[in-house]
Protein backbone atom coordinates (compact mmCIF):
# COMPACT_ATOMS: atom_id res chain seq x y z
CA MET A 1 134.05 -11.32 60.09
CA LEU A 2 131.79 -8.09 59.44
CA VAL A 3 133.41 -7.14 56.13
CA THR A 4 132.59 -10.90 55.01
CA LEU A 5 128.97 -10.68 55.99
CA SER A 6 128.30 -8.02 54.39
CA GLU A 7 130.35 -8.98 51.28
CA ILE A 8 127.87 -12.47 51.37
CA PHE A 9 124.93 -10.25 50.98
CA ASP A 10 125.82 -7.74 48.76
CA THR A 11 127.08 -10.35 46.87
CA PHE A 12 124.08 -13.12 46.74
CA GLY A 13 120.97 -10.73 48.00
CA ALA A 14 117.50 -12.11 49.29
CA SER A 15 116.98 -14.90 46.53
CA VAL A 16 120.37 -16.81 47.00
CA SER A 17 121.00 -16.10 50.84
CA VAL A 18 116.96 -16.68 51.97
CA PRO A 19 116.94 -20.22 49.96
CA VAL A 20 120.31 -21.16 51.66
CA ILE A 21 118.80 -20.50 55.11
CA ILE A 22 115.65 -21.92 54.37
CA PHE A 23 117.52 -25.53 53.22
CA ILE A 24 119.78 -25.36 56.75
CA ILE A 25 115.94 -24.76 58.77
CA ALA A 26 114.73 -27.70 57.18
CA VAL A 27 118.00 -30.15 57.26
CA ALA A 28 118.07 -29.35 61.01
CA MET A 29 114.20 -29.97 61.52
CA ARG A 30 115.07 -33.54 60.27
CA ALA A 31 113.40 -32.88 56.57
CA LYS A 32 114.84 -35.18 54.19
CA PRO A 33 117.61 -33.35 52.31
CA SER A 34 115.38 -33.38 48.89
CA LYS A 35 112.86 -31.61 50.14
CA ALA A 36 114.68 -29.22 51.90
CA PHE A 37 116.78 -28.40 48.99
CA ARG A 38 113.48 -28.51 46.92
CA SER A 39 111.92 -25.88 49.24
CA ALA A 40 114.64 -23.62 49.04
CA LEU A 41 115.31 -24.08 45.06
CA LEU A 42 111.39 -22.91 44.69
CA ALA A 43 111.65 -19.97 47.32
CA GLY A 44 114.82 -18.79 45.29
CA VAL A 45 112.95 -19.53 42.54
CA ALA A 46 109.98 -17.31 43.51
CA LEU A 47 112.21 -14.36 45.12
CA THR A 48 113.93 -14.28 41.55
CA GLY A 49 110.36 -14.10 40.11
CA PHE A 50 109.17 -11.19 42.27
CA SER A 51 112.85 -9.24 41.99
CA LEU A 52 112.49 -9.89 37.62
CA MET A 53 108.80 -8.42 37.77
CA ILE A 54 109.35 -5.51 39.97
CA ASN A 55 112.63 -4.64 37.87
CA ALA A 56 110.65 -4.98 34.67
CA TYR A 57 107.71 -2.69 36.23
CA MET A 58 109.43 0.16 37.72
CA PRO A 59 111.12 1.75 34.90
CA THR A 60 107.67 2.19 33.43
CA ILE A 61 105.69 3.23 36.54
CA SER A 62 108.48 5.22 37.50
CA GLY A 63 108.78 7.59 34.65
CA ILE A 64 105.18 8.32 34.70
CA VAL A 65 105.55 9.48 38.24
CA ASP A 66 108.44 11.75 37.55
CA LYS A 67 106.38 13.44 34.57
CA MET A 68 103.52 13.42 37.12
CA VAL A 69 105.64 15.50 39.53
CA ASN A 70 107.12 17.56 36.95
CA ASN A 71 103.68 18.23 35.84
CA THR A 72 102.69 19.93 39.34
CA GLY A 73 105.33 21.93 39.64
CA ILE A 74 105.75 21.51 43.02
CA ASN A 75 109.50 20.85 44.89
CA LEU A 76 109.73 19.23 47.68
CA PRO A 77 113.63 19.49 49.28
CA VAL A 78 114.06 15.55 50.63
CA LEU A 79 113.62 13.08 48.32
CA ASP A 80 113.84 9.09 49.01
CA VAL A 81 116.43 7.09 47.15
CA GLY A 82 114.52 3.90 47.50
CA TRP A 83 114.64 1.06 49.91
CA GLN A 84 117.76 -0.56 47.67
CA ALA A 85 119.67 1.93 48.85
CA CYS A 86 119.23 2.19 52.61
CA ALA A 87 120.27 -1.47 52.93
CA LEU A 88 123.38 -0.01 51.24
CA VAL A 89 123.61 2.37 53.86
CA ALA A 90 123.36 -0.25 56.55
CA TYR A 91 124.83 -2.73 55.48
CA SER A 92 128.27 -0.21 54.95
CA THR A 93 128.14 1.06 58.92
CA LYS A 94 130.39 -1.00 61.64
CA ILE A 95 127.45 -0.59 64.28
CA GLY A 96 125.62 -1.57 62.12
CA MET A 97 127.50 -4.81 61.11
CA ALA A 98 128.22 -5.43 64.44
CA PHE A 99 124.33 -6.04 65.02
CA LEU A 100 123.94 -7.94 61.98
CA VAL A 101 125.84 -10.84 64.23
CA ILE A 102 124.31 -9.90 67.41
CA ALA A 103 120.83 -9.87 66.05
CA ILE A 104 121.53 -13.32 64.90
CA ILE A 105 122.51 -14.51 67.82
CA LEU A 106 119.29 -12.95 69.55
CA GLN A 107 116.85 -14.13 67.56
CA LEU A 108 118.26 -17.48 67.91
CA ILE A 109 118.16 -17.34 71.73
CA LEU A 110 114.54 -15.84 71.81
CA PHE A 111 113.14 -18.83 70.01
CA ALA A 112 115.33 -21.16 71.26
CA VAL A 113 113.71 -20.49 75.02
CA LYS A 114 110.37 -19.96 73.58
CA TRP A 115 110.20 -15.82 74.29
CA THR A 116 108.60 -16.23 70.54
CA ASP A 117 107.51 -18.23 68.66
CA ILE A 118 108.71 -16.87 65.44
CA PHE A 119 112.00 -18.19 64.24
CA MET A 120 113.06 -14.86 62.87
CA PRO A 121 116.68 -15.76 60.81
CA SER A 122 115.22 -16.68 57.83
CA ASP A 123 114.29 -13.40 57.44
CA LEU A 124 117.55 -12.08 58.08
CA TRP A 125 118.01 -10.00 55.04
CA ASN A 126 115.55 -7.26 56.33
CA THR A 127 117.36 -7.11 59.50
CA TYR A 128 118.91 -4.11 57.57
CA SER A 129 115.51 -2.01 58.54
CA PHE A 130 117.12 -1.86 62.36
CA MET A 131 120.92 -1.18 61.20
CA LEU A 132 119.43 1.77 59.34
CA TRP A 133 118.11 2.94 62.78
CA GLY A 134 121.43 2.06 64.83
CA SER A 135 123.42 3.58 62.39
CA THR A 136 121.54 6.85 62.07
CA LEU A 137 121.26 7.11 66.35
CA TYR A 138 125.35 6.20 66.19
CA LEU A 139 125.96 9.24 64.13
CA ALA A 140 123.63 11.23 65.78
CA THR A 141 125.26 10.39 69.88
CA GLY A 142 128.59 8.78 69.18
CA LYS A 143 127.57 6.03 71.38
CA ALA A 144 127.58 2.56 70.41
CA TRP A 145 125.31 1.14 73.76
CA LEU A 146 122.12 3.34 73.18
CA SER A 147 122.05 2.65 69.21
CA MET A 148 122.25 -1.44 70.06
CA GLY A 149 119.86 -1.45 72.69
CA LEU A 150 117.91 0.50 70.26
CA MET A 151 118.55 -1.87 67.65
CA VAL A 152 117.73 -4.54 70.29
CA LEU A 153 114.55 -2.86 71.87
CA MET A 154 113.00 -2.53 68.25
CA ASN A 155 113.80 -6.23 67.35
CA LEU A 156 112.06 -7.62 70.46
CA TYR A 157 108.95 -4.89 69.55
CA VAL A 158 109.01 -5.98 66.09
CA LEU A 159 108.73 -9.98 66.89
CA LEU A 160 105.83 -8.94 69.58
CA PHE A 161 104.02 -7.80 66.61
CA ALA A 162 105.02 -10.10 64.13
CA GLU A 163 103.30 -12.70 66.00
CA ILE A 164 99.79 -10.74 66.92
CA LEU A 165 100.03 -10.44 63.14
CA ALA A 166 101.24 -14.32 62.21
CA PRO A 167 97.79 -16.14 62.27
CA CYS A 168 96.36 -13.33 59.96
CA PHE A 169 99.06 -13.03 58.06
CA SER A 170 99.63 -17.11 57.22
CA THR A 171 95.79 -17.65 56.46
CA TYR A 172 95.21 -14.90 54.59
CA TYR A 173 97.92 -15.35 52.13
CA ASN A 174 97.85 -19.31 52.56
CA TYR A 175 101.47 -19.50 53.33
CA PRO A 176 101.45 -22.15 56.67
CA GLY A 177 103.17 -21.45 59.62
CA CYS A 178 104.82 -18.41 58.04
CA ALA A 179 104.96 -14.57 59.58
CA LEU A 180 105.91 -11.48 58.02
CA THR A 181 108.83 -9.63 60.32
CA ALA A 182 109.80 -6.86 57.98
CA PRO A 183 110.51 -4.08 60.80
CA HIS A 184 108.72 -1.23 58.37
CA HIS A 185 105.70 -3.08 58.01
CA ALA A 186 105.05 -5.42 61.32
CA GLU A 187 106.08 -2.19 63.18
CA GLY A 188 102.60 -0.74 62.18
CA VAL A 189 100.62 -3.49 63.13
CA PRO A 190 99.03 -2.10 66.98
CA PHE A 191 97.74 1.11 65.23
CA TYR A 192 96.11 -0.70 61.84
CA VAL A 193 94.49 -3.55 64.68
CA LEU A 194 93.23 -0.08 66.18
CA VAL A 195 92.20 1.19 62.92
CA ASN A 196 90.58 -1.55 61.77
CA PHE A 197 88.56 -1.89 65.12
CA ILE A 198 87.27 1.95 65.24
CA MET A 199 86.33 1.26 60.98
CA ASN A 200 84.18 -1.59 61.89
CA LYS A 201 82.73 0.28 64.95
CA LEU A 202 81.73 3.38 62.04
CA GLY A 203 80.40 0.55 60.01
CA LEU A 204 82.59 0.15 57.06
CA HIS A 205 82.14 -3.34 57.54
CA LYS A 206 79.20 -2.97 55.84
CA VAL A 207 81.37 -1.89 52.39
CA ASN A 208 83.47 -5.17 52.30
CA ILE A 209 84.93 -4.67 48.83
CA ASN A 210 87.44 -7.39 48.42
CA LEU A 211 88.35 -8.77 45.11
CA THR A 212 86.10 -11.69 45.30
CA ASN A 213 82.69 -9.36 45.98
CA VAL A 214 84.08 -6.81 42.91
CA GLN A 215 84.74 -9.94 40.41
CA LYS A 216 80.93 -10.98 41.19
CA LYS A 217 79.55 -7.29 40.42
CA LEU A 218 81.38 -6.22 37.71
CA GLY A 219 82.54 -9.65 35.99
CA LEU A 220 84.88 -9.41 32.89
CA PHE A 221 85.73 -5.94 34.47
CA GLY A 222 86.22 -7.08 38.18
CA GLU A 223 89.39 -9.74 37.23
CA PRO A 224 92.73 -8.54 38.27
CA MET A 225 94.29 -8.55 35.62
CA VAL A 226 91.31 -5.69 33.75
CA LEU A 227 91.65 -4.11 36.93
CA GLY A 228 95.09 -3.98 36.34
CA LEU A 229 94.78 -2.77 33.19
CA ILE A 230 92.38 -0.08 34.42
CA VAL A 231 94.61 1.61 36.98
CA GLY A 232 97.39 1.48 34.64
CA LEU A 233 95.34 3.42 32.06
CA ILE A 234 94.68 5.90 34.35
CA LEU A 235 98.48 6.48 36.04
CA GLY A 236 99.31 7.03 31.74
CA PHE A 237 96.99 9.61 31.27
CA ALA A 238 98.14 11.49 35.18
CA GLY A 239 101.23 11.08 33.87
CA ASN A 240 100.53 12.50 30.04
CA ILE A 241 98.08 15.21 30.76
CA GLN A 242 99.84 17.79 28.90
CA ASP A 243 101.07 15.58 26.17
CA LEU A 244 97.89 13.80 25.18
CA GLY A 245 98.46 15.26 21.24
CA THR A 246 101.65 13.44 20.66
CA LEU A 247 101.93 9.75 19.62
CA ALA A 248 104.56 8.83 22.36
CA ALA A 249 102.44 9.57 24.91
CA TRP A 250 99.68 7.43 23.77
CA GLY A 251 102.53 4.98 23.71
CA GLU A 252 102.95 5.57 27.05
CA ILE A 253 99.72 5.27 28.42
CA ALA A 254 99.43 1.81 26.40
CA ALA A 255 102.71 0.55 27.99
CA ALA A 256 101.72 1.67 31.67
CA ALA A 257 98.39 -0.22 31.54
CA ILE A 258 99.37 -3.32 29.65
CA SER A 259 102.54 -3.95 31.99
CA THR A 260 100.55 -3.55 34.96
CA ALA A 261 97.41 -5.90 33.41
CA ALA A 262 100.85 -8.27 33.37
CA VAL A 263 101.83 -7.65 36.78
CA MET A 264 98.22 -8.45 38.27
CA ALA A 265 98.46 -11.43 36.22
CA ILE A 266 101.97 -12.99 36.55
CA PHE A 267 102.57 -12.49 40.16
CA PRO A 268 99.76 -14.28 41.81
CA LYS A 269 101.18 -17.22 39.83
CA ILE A 270 105.30 -16.23 41.17
CA ALA A 271 103.30 -15.90 44.47
CA SER A 272 101.91 -19.58 44.53
CA LEU A 273 105.68 -21.22 43.50
CA PHE A 274 106.59 -19.24 46.68
CA ALA A 275 103.80 -20.94 48.59
CA ALA A 276 104.24 -24.41 47.42
CA ALA A 277 108.22 -23.79 48.64
CA PHE A 278 106.88 -23.36 52.46
CA THR A 279 103.46 -25.57 52.26
CA LEU A 280 106.32 -28.45 51.53
CA LEU A 281 108.89 -27.08 54.18
CA THR A 282 105.99 -27.43 56.79
CA GLU A 283 104.78 -31.11 55.66
CA SER A 284 108.13 -31.73 55.80
CA THR A 285 109.34 -30.43 59.10
CA LYS A 286 106.02 -31.16 60.83
CA GLY A 287 106.84 -34.62 62.58
CA ALA A 288 110.56 -33.05 64.04
CA ALA A 289 108.23 -29.49 65.25
CA LYS A 290 105.99 -31.52 67.34
CA LYS A 291 108.39 -34.14 68.40
CA HIS A 292 110.63 -31.48 69.48
CA GLY A 293 108.38 -28.46 70.07
CA LYS A 294 105.96 -30.59 72.33
CA GLY A 295 103.01 -29.97 70.00
CA ARG A 296 104.51 -25.87 70.06
CA GLU A 297 102.79 -23.65 67.14
CA TRP A 298 105.92 -21.83 65.26
CA TYR A 299 106.44 -19.94 62.73
CA LEU A 300 109.12 -19.30 59.96
CA ALA A 301 109.43 -15.48 59.15
CA VAL A 302 109.45 -15.00 55.46
CA ASN A 303 109.73 -11.99 52.70
CA ASP A 304 107.79 -9.30 52.53
CA ALA A 305 108.10 -10.28 48.95
CA THR A 306 105.72 -12.99 49.24
CA GLY A 307 102.88 -10.69 49.59
CA TYR A 308 103.49 -8.45 46.73
CA GLY A 309 101.58 -10.30 44.27
CA GLU A 310 98.24 -10.74 45.85
CA PRO A 311 95.35 -9.45 43.75
CA ALA A 312 93.87 -7.18 46.56
CA THR A 313 97.14 -6.15 48.31
CA ILE A 314 98.64 -5.20 44.63
CA MET A 315 95.82 -3.51 43.60
CA VAL A 316 95.41 -1.32 46.47
CA GLY A 317 98.81 -0.75 47.02
CA THR A 318 98.69 0.42 42.77
CA LEU A 319 96.29 2.75 43.65
CA MET A 320 98.32 4.36 46.39
CA ILE A 321 100.92 5.46 44.27
CA PRO A 322 99.14 9.02 43.13
CA ILE A 323 97.15 8.33 46.57
CA MET A 324 100.93 9.34 48.22
CA LEU A 325 101.76 12.13 45.85
CA ILE A 326 98.87 14.02 46.46
CA LEU A 327 99.64 13.62 50.04
CA ALA A 328 103.08 14.75 49.69
CA PHE A 329 101.99 17.73 47.58
CA THR A 330 99.18 18.82 50.04
CA LEU A 331 99.60 18.07 53.58
CA PRO A 332 100.55 21.49 55.29
CA GLY A 333 104.39 21.43 56.55
CA ASN A 334 105.67 17.75 54.62
CA ARG A 335 108.70 18.47 53.10
CA ALA A 336 108.94 14.62 51.79
CA LEU A 337 108.30 13.03 48.35
CA ILE A 338 108.31 9.37 48.18
CA MET A 339 109.74 9.15 44.43
CA VAL A 340 111.60 5.60 44.32
CA ASP A 341 109.56 3.42 46.73
CA LEU A 342 106.75 4.13 45.07
CA ILE A 343 106.31 0.92 43.33
CA ALA A 344 107.06 -0.71 46.56
CA MET A 345 103.44 0.48 47.78
CA PRO A 346 102.06 -2.93 47.85
CA TYR A 347 104.51 -4.40 50.35
CA CYS A 348 103.47 -1.94 52.70
CA MET A 349 99.77 -3.15 52.00
CA ILE A 350 100.16 -6.54 53.91
CA PRO A 351 99.47 -5.87 57.36
CA MET A 352 96.19 -4.42 57.12
CA ILE A 353 95.29 -6.11 54.03
CA SER A 354 95.68 -9.27 57.04
CA ILE A 355 93.30 -8.10 59.41
CA SER A 356 91.50 -6.95 57.75
CA LYS A 357 91.31 -10.36 55.13
CA GLY A 358 91.09 -8.66 51.92
CA ASN A 359 88.59 -5.64 52.78
CA MET A 360 90.19 -3.29 50.25
CA LEU A 361 88.32 -0.16 51.13
CA LYS A 362 89.90 -0.31 54.80
CA THR A 363 93.28 -1.21 53.79
CA LEU A 364 92.64 1.97 51.73
CA ILE A 365 91.56 4.10 54.35
CA GLY A 366 94.20 2.51 57.24
CA THR A 367 97.58 3.03 55.22
CA ILE A 368 96.14 6.82 53.66
CA LEU A 369 96.32 7.21 57.47
CA TYR A 370 99.58 5.18 58.49
CA PHE A 371 101.39 7.01 55.68
CA SER A 372 100.06 10.74 56.19
CA LEU A 373 101.97 10.67 59.66
CA ALA A 374 105.00 8.47 57.32
CA LEU A 375 105.70 11.41 55.61
CA TYR A 376 106.16 14.09 58.27
CA VAL A 377 108.65 11.57 60.02
CA TRP A 378 110.49 11.14 56.73
CA GLY A 379 110.52 14.69 56.55
CA TRP A 380 111.93 14.66 59.99
CA MET A 381 114.62 11.67 59.56
CA ALA A 382 116.32 13.44 56.53
CA GLU A 383 118.92 15.44 57.55
CA LEU A 384 120.07 12.31 60.12
CA TYR A 385 119.59 9.78 57.26
CA THR A 386 121.38 12.33 54.84
CA GLY A 387 124.78 12.46 57.02
CA VAL A 388 124.55 8.72 57.65
CA ALA A 389 124.59 8.07 53.74
CA VAL A 390 127.31 10.65 52.98
CA GLN A 391 128.99 9.09 55.72
CA VAL A 392 129.29 5.91 53.88
CA GLY A 393 129.94 6.94 50.53
CA PHE A 394 126.60 7.58 49.15
CA GLU A 395 126.81 10.67 46.35
CA LEU A 396 124.11 12.74 46.08
CA THR A 397 122.81 13.36 43.01
CA GLY A 398 121.03 15.79 41.12
CA SER A 399 118.74 18.42 42.99
CA ALA A 400 118.39 16.67 45.87
CA MET A 401 119.94 18.06 48.87
CA LEU A 402 118.66 15.67 51.42
CA ILE A 403 117.53 12.43 50.96
CA THR A 404 115.27 10.26 53.27
CA CYS A 405 113.93 6.76 53.55
CA THR A 406 110.77 4.95 53.67
CA CYS A 407 111.81 2.09 55.97
CA PHE A 408 111.76 5.13 58.58
CA MET A 409 108.06 4.49 60.44
CA PRO A 410 106.05 5.96 63.01
CA PHE A 411 106.11 3.57 65.56
CA LEU A 412 109.91 3.05 65.29
CA ALA A 413 110.41 6.78 65.15
CA LEU A 414 108.72 7.16 68.51
CA LEU A 415 111.38 4.56 70.01
CA PHE A 416 114.07 6.31 67.98
CA ALA A 417 112.91 9.74 69.30
CA ALA A 418 113.43 8.34 72.85
CA PHE A 419 116.85 7.24 72.52
CA LEU A 420 117.98 10.09 70.62
CA SER A 421 116.83 12.08 73.48
CA GLN A 422 119.34 10.17 75.46
CA ASN A 423 116.67 10.79 78.61
CA PRO A 424 116.68 8.67 81.42
CA LEU A 425 112.92 8.35 81.48
CA TRP A 426 111.80 8.61 77.98
CA ILE A 427 114.05 5.28 77.35
CA GLY A 428 112.74 3.71 80.18
CA LEU A 429 109.16 4.53 79.42
CA THR A 430 109.72 2.21 75.87
CA ILE A 431 111.32 -0.29 78.09
CA ILE A 432 108.41 -0.93 80.62
CA ALA A 433 105.70 -0.24 77.72
CA TYR A 434 107.01 -3.19 75.70
CA ILE A 435 107.55 -5.57 79.17
CA VAL A 436 103.80 -4.56 79.51
CA LEU A 437 102.77 -5.38 75.94
CA TYR A 438 104.62 -8.48 76.24
CA VAL A 439 103.12 -10.11 79.36
CA PHE A 440 100.00 -9.09 78.22
CA PHE A 441 99.83 -10.48 74.93
CA LYS A 442 101.63 -14.25 76.04
CA LYS A 443 98.39 -14.33 78.91
CA ASN A 444 96.22 -13.61 77.04
CA LYS A 445 97.94 -15.16 73.62
CA GLU A 446 94.54 -17.38 72.95
CA ALA A 447 92.31 -14.45 73.01
CA VAL A 448 94.13 -11.91 71.54
CA ILE A 449 94.62 -14.33 68.30
CA ARG A 450 91.00 -15.81 68.49
CA TYR A 451 90.16 -11.50 68.11
CA MET A 452 92.40 -10.89 65.02
CA LEU A 453 91.26 -14.26 63.06
CA THR A 454 87.51 -13.41 64.12
CA CYS A 455 87.50 -9.44 64.14
CA ASN A 456 85.71 -9.11 60.65
CA ASP A 457 84.03 -12.77 61.11
CA ALA A 458 81.79 -11.65 63.72
CA GLU A 459 81.20 -8.16 62.31
CA GLU A 460 80.30 -10.28 58.88
CA ALA A 461 78.19 -12.63 60.67
CA ASP A 462 75.35 -9.59 61.95
CA GLY A 463 74.45 -10.03 58.22
CA VAL A 464 76.27 -7.01 57.21
CA ASN A 465 78.74 -7.80 54.54
CA ALA A 466 77.79 -5.83 51.64
CA GLY A 467 79.15 -8.79 49.65
């Protein structure tokens, strides 16, 4: 069964498996088959569109990033090989595939008994993130029960954080009744909430830089497409600074500029297809949800690709590409270099963008702080992850002696460290912390959600919005 599941995911991927899951959910919620099919098809088309755009954009930017790294002459021993390789590793381990089955059962039960209001199986693909952590722990300890316990606890934490974020995510990105549950993004919610609170107290809410305000002030130069052109030009110049006397360099600069402008212009249109899929699904299932859920408000987990093309998200994500390289080269003691996943940076902006309601300045600061920590985590996990990858047949190429995965993020790394220690005290504390947080959230859910939706509004109501 595990082998079959692995083959299904490897063969069809998210663009096919997600629509199938959406169709099943819609029919189960008594939507008309025609509407269920249309929702599923729209989701599949949108996911394919996301993939086509990213795959077309990546070679252009990757070549420039390689030149930027080569021009610095800095050699870092730990290399990021991309989330796609991470997923392949996760789906190639027995302990990981065993958890995939357990995760489906666990997530269904938690939703059915109302432990959570998020239906997570609809984003089953991103379960690979849990599987990767569990597989790495199993290699380090040889204890299957410990690895399984870690993955279950991580799943519980992520569901809790995703439920806190859901109202902000679904409102800002205009995906009614949807939630972001990708573990490597949702796990940062507590940090982003805290940083957003501190930045508001420091007065950064007075500089509310979002694309609407930027466009009003800059006119043509504030349009996402033109901003993309400018950012692409900057990246192109940075990568070809030593070759500006050649025609090839200028060709690459022009290609980077136009490609980035195209992504900024086209991605939002693809995102609107995804939004239409879930709007249709929500409308179709509203009656059944109200009848069987007794007015329960619940959220459908969606793939993180849904937020990639939102203008503020992709703008800050693109700006983070050179910033991540600067951080890698300058942070003391850092060993890791993010390379392949630089193109995926916009995915990582989604939680902070949602919480700050599109404030690009606060998002940039929050993600710089969190990803500075992430760089150290990637370096710390390198030896263990390389061992797992080699064990499942990953072949190291070039000069890379150690590889890492950008799915290894700081909060989940704390849980991993506790289980890696095999110390009952540390493991017990992680469980107790979850219980305390869960009880607090459930007892104060309305107040927490109200704060998440209005914290920035409250600051702006003081008349300090720079827009």
